[in-house]
Amino acid sequence: MAETRIETVYEADGSCDGTGGGCGEYEESLNCLMVVAGRDHRALLANLLAEIDLYPGQERVLGALGDHGPQSQNALARIVGVDVSTMTKTLQRLERSGFVSRSPCPANRRISMVEITPAGRALLPEVDRVMAELQHRMTRGLTAEQVEELSSLLKVVKGNLCRETYPPGGQVAGAPVVAGGTIPATARIEPARTGAA
């Protein structure tokens, strides 16, 4: 397999431009900054989780099982906020690693119940350490008050995006109404088309 090399650009002031935003004249726009920060956050998370033999997303599954106890595969997908097929792949890896176990539900054998194993539970303090290190690294240079303000502002942005993506009643311009009037969190929503086709 060919090795992929990512070129990192460091500015004269020591700041890092990573692989660039790819946003052209919009490099400093909030949209571009959010995309690039999200991409780089995931890359750093992947690097830190690799130290404890996990992939991004697996830490959320282990955390959810640690917090909520055994769950059906579907309930776990809802808690974590992923579709069932993604959850299935994640659980297969975690099960192969010995961090979770799956068994049929006694009340309905068609339902798969997922439980954290002792090895998975023993890994939770390491997951906490990784998440603390991730937060430390991504907020380097910010005061505690700035971190709190950033968190507060991102909650507002997240809420705005959630309301726009999954509005009450499930109506999104150009999207079909889903039975029950809501759009599942895993639904793919196409943007409304404007103008002549």
Protein backbone atom coordinates (compact mmCIF):
# COMPACT_ATOMS: atom_id res chain seq x y z
CA MET A 1 0.00 0.00 0.00
CA ALA A 2 1.34 3.43 -0.92
CA GLU A 3 2.06 5.72 1.98
CA THR A 4 0.08 8.96 2.05
CA ARG A 5 2.00 11.97 3.22
CA ILE A 6 0.10 14.98 4.51
CA GLU A 7 1.94 18.25 4.14
CA THR A 8 1.64 20.48 7.18
CA VAL A 9 2.25 24.18 6.78
CA TYR A 10 3.61 26.15 9.72
CA GLU A 11 3.39 29.93 9.53
CA ALA A 12 6.20 32.26 10.64
CA ASP A 13 4.37 32.86 13.94
CA GLY A 14 4.38 29.11 14.67
CA SER A 15 0.71 28.61 13.85
CA CYS A 16 -0.23 25.50 11.94
CA ASP A 17 -2.28 25.51 8.75
CA GLY A 18 -2.53 21.70 8.72
CA THR A 19 -3.32 20.57 5.22
CA GLY A 20 -5.02 23.86 4.42
CA GLY A 21 -8.72 24.42 4.52
CA GLY A 22 -9.32 24.11 0.81
CA CYS A 23 -11.73 27.02 1.08
CA GLY A 24 -9.84 29.45 -1.15
CA GLU A 25 -10.83 33.02 -0.46
CA TYR A 26 -13.15 31.80 2.32
CA GLU A 27 -10.32 30.33 4.49
CA GLU A 28 -11.25 32.58 7.42
CA SER A 29 -15.01 32.06 7.13
CA LEU A 30 -16.82 30.37 9.99
CA ASN A 31 -17.93 27.59 7.63
CA CYS A 32 -14.37 26.79 6.59
CA LEU A 33 -13.03 27.06 10.14
CA MET A 34 -15.70 24.64 11.41
CA VAL A 35 -14.98 22.10 8.65
CA VAL A 36 -11.21 22.24 9.13
CA ALA A 37 -11.41 22.22 12.94
CA GLY A 38 -13.77 19.22 12.79
CA ARG A 39 -11.47 17.36 10.40
CA ASP A 40 -8.38 18.08 12.49
CA HIS A 41 -10.21 17.21 15.73
CA ARG A 42 -11.10 13.80 14.30
CA ALA A 43 -7.52 13.23 13.11
CA LEU A 44 -6.08 14.05 16.54
CA LEU A 45 -8.75 11.90 18.21
CA ALA A 46 -7.82 9.00 15.90
CA ASN A 47 -4.12 9.37 16.79
CA LEU A 48 -4.79 9.46 20.53
CA LEU A 49 -7.27 6.56 20.44
CA ALA A 50 -4.80 4.48 18.42
CA GLU A 51 -2.56 4.52 21.52
CA ILE A 52 -5.21 2.40 23.28
CA ASP A 53 -6.18 0.36 20.19
CA LEU A 54 -9.49 2.10 19.53
CA TYR A 55 -10.92 3.87 16.49
CA PRO A 56 -13.00 7.09 16.59
CA GLY A 57 -16.56 6.31 17.61
CA GLN A 58 -15.63 3.26 19.66
CA GLU A 59 -14.93 5.42 22.71
CA ARG A 60 -18.51 6.75 22.54
CA VAL A 61 -19.94 3.22 22.42
CA LEU A 62 -17.87 2.11 25.42
CA GLY A 63 -18.84 5.27 27.29
CA ALA A 64 -22.54 4.77 26.52
CA LEU A 65 -22.42 1.17 27.73
CA GLY A 66 -20.50 2.22 30.83
CA ASP A 67 -23.08 4.93 31.59
CA HIS A 68 -26.30 3.14 30.58
CA GLY A 69 -25.54 -0.55 31.03
CA PRO A 70 -26.50 -3.26 28.52
CA GLN A 71 -28.46 -1.97 25.52
CA SER A 72 -30.04 -3.36 22.41
CA GLN A 73 -27.97 -2.67 19.32
CA ASN A 74 -30.68 -0.29 18.01
CA ALA A 75 -30.95 1.60 21.31
CA LEU A 76 -27.17 1.93 21.44
CA ALA A 77 -27.14 3.35 17.90
CA ARG A 78 -29.72 5.96 18.98
CA ILE A 79 -27.78 6.86 22.14
CA VAL A 80 -24.52 7.30 20.21
CA GLY A 81 -26.25 9.00 17.24
CA VAL A 82 -25.22 6.70 14.39
CA ASP A 83 -27.12 4.48 12.00
CA VAL A 84 -27.53 0.79 12.76
CA SER A 85 -25.14 -0.37 10.01
CA THR A 86 -22.36 1.85 11.42
CA MET A 87 -23.10 0.51 14.90
CA THR A 88 -22.91 -3.07 13.59
CA LYS A 89 -19.40 -2.48 12.17
CA THR A 90 -18.26 -0.71 15.34
CA LEU A 91 -19.55 -3.53 17.53
CA GLN A 92 -17.86 -6.18 15.38
CA ARG A 93 -14.49 -4.50 15.95
CA LEU A 94 -15.11 -3.98 19.66
CA GLU A 95 -16.25 -7.58 20.05
CA ARG A 96 -13.16 -8.92 18.23
CA SER A 97 -11.04 -6.85 20.63
CA GLY A 98 -12.88 -8.30 23.62
CA PHE A 99 -14.33 -4.97 24.81
CA VAL A 100 -18.02 -5.79 24.30
CA SER A 101 -20.13 -8.92 24.03
CA ARG A 102 -23.41 -9.46 22.21
CA SER A 103 -26.10 -11.97 23.05
CA PRO A 104 -29.76 -12.51 22.15
CA CYS A 105 -32.29 -10.71 24.32
CA PRO A 106 -34.08 -13.26 26.55
CA ALA A 107 -37.47 -11.61 25.91
CA ASN A 108 -37.01 -11.37 22.12
CA ARG A 109 -34.21 -13.46 20.64
CA ARG A 110 -34.28 -11.42 17.41
CA ILE A 111 -32.86 -8.46 19.37
CA SER A 112 -29.12 -8.38 20.02
CA MET A 113 -28.13 -7.08 23.47
CA VAL A 114 -24.73 -5.44 23.87
CA GLU A 115 -22.78 -5.38 27.11
CA ILE A 116 -19.39 -3.98 28.05
CA THR A 117 -16.94 -6.69 29.12
CA PRO A 118 -14.55 -6.43 32.07
CA ALA A 119 -11.77 -5.61 29.55
CA GLY A 120 -13.92 -2.83 28.09
CA ARG A 121 -14.75 -1.46 31.52
CA ALA A 122 -11.04 -1.53 32.44
CA LEU A 123 -10.36 0.58 29.34
CA LEU A 124 -12.77 3.38 30.37
CA PRO A 125 -10.19 5.25 32.52
CA GLU A 126 -7.85 5.25 29.51
CA VAL A 127 -10.67 6.59 27.31
CA ASP A 128 -11.22 9.36 29.89
CA ARG A 129 -7.48 10.12 29.83
CA VAL A 130 -7.48 10.33 26.03
CA MET A 131 -10.51 12.63 26.00
CA ALA A 132 -8.93 14.90 28.62
CA GLU A 133 -5.71 15.01 26.59
CA LEU A 134 -7.69 15.81 23.44
CA GLN A 135 -9.44 18.71 25.16
CA HIS A 136 -6.14 19.94 26.61
CA ARG A 137 -4.45 19.93 23.20
CA MET A 138 -7.29 21.52 21.26
CA THR A 139 -7.79 24.32 23.79
CA ARG A 140 -4.09 25.10 24.26
CA GLY A 141 -3.67 28.87 24.52
CA LEU A 142 -7.23 29.47 25.73
CA THR A 143 -8.14 30.54 29.25
CA ALA A 144 -10.70 28.55 31.25
CA GLU A 145 -13.19 31.36 30.62
CA GLN A 146 -12.55 31.22 26.85
CA VAL A 147 -13.04 27.44 26.85
CA GLU A 148 -16.33 27.89 28.69
CA GLU A 149 -17.43 30.61 26.26
CA LEU A 150 -16.41 28.52 23.24
CA SER A 151 -18.40 25.57 24.61
CA SER A 152 -21.41 27.81 25.17
CA LEU A 153 -21.22 29.28 21.67
CA LEU A 154 -20.80 25.86 20.05
CA LYS A 155 -23.89 24.61 21.91
CA VAL A 156 -25.86 27.46 20.30
CA VAL A 157 -24.45 26.64 16.85
CA LYS A 158 -25.17 22.94 17.39
CA GLY A 159 -28.75 23.75 18.41
CA ASN A 160 -29.24 25.98 15.38
CA LEU A 161 -27.91 23.30 13.03
CA CYS A 162 -30.05 20.62 14.69
CA ARG A 163 -33.21 22.73 14.35
CA GLU A 164 -32.43 23.46 10.69
CA THR A 165 -31.57 19.85 9.89
CA TYR A 166 -34.29 18.15 11.97
CA PRO A 167 -37.08 20.71 12.46
CA PRO A 168 -40.20 19.90 14.52
CA GLY A 169 -42.65 17.95 12.42
CA GLY A 170 -39.90 16.62 10.20
CA GLN A 171 -40.35 19.18 7.43
CA VAL A 172 -37.23 20.09 5.54
CA ALA A 173 -37.57 21.96 2.28
CA GLY A 174 -37.84 19.34 -0.44
CA ALA A 175 -37.69 16.40 1.99
CA PRO A 176 -40.47 13.85 2.38
CA VAL A 177 -42.47 13.73 5.58
CA VAL A 178 -41.50 10.67 7.60
CA ALA A 179 -44.14 8.52 9.29
CA GLY A 180 -44.64 9.85 12.80
CA GLY A 181 -43.71 13.37 11.70
CA THR A 182 -40.05 13.22 12.63
CA ILE A 183 -36.83 12.65 10.77
CA PRO A 184 -34.53 10.09 12.38
CA ALA A 185 -31.16 11.40 13.55
CA THR A 186 -29.48 9.18 10.98
CA ALA A 187 -31.56 10.37 8.02
CA ARG A 188 -29.73 11.79 5.03
CA ILE A 189 -31.32 15.05 4.05
CA GLU A 190 -30.67 16.52 0.65
CA PRO A 191 -30.60 20.31 0.40
CA ALA A 192 -33.59 21.95 -1.25
CA ARG A 193 -33.04 22.74 -4.90
CA THR A 194 -33.71 26.22 -6.11
CA GLY A 195 -34.22 27.56 -9.61
CA ALA A 196 -35.13 25.71 -12.77
CA ALA A 197 -34.19 22.07 -13.10
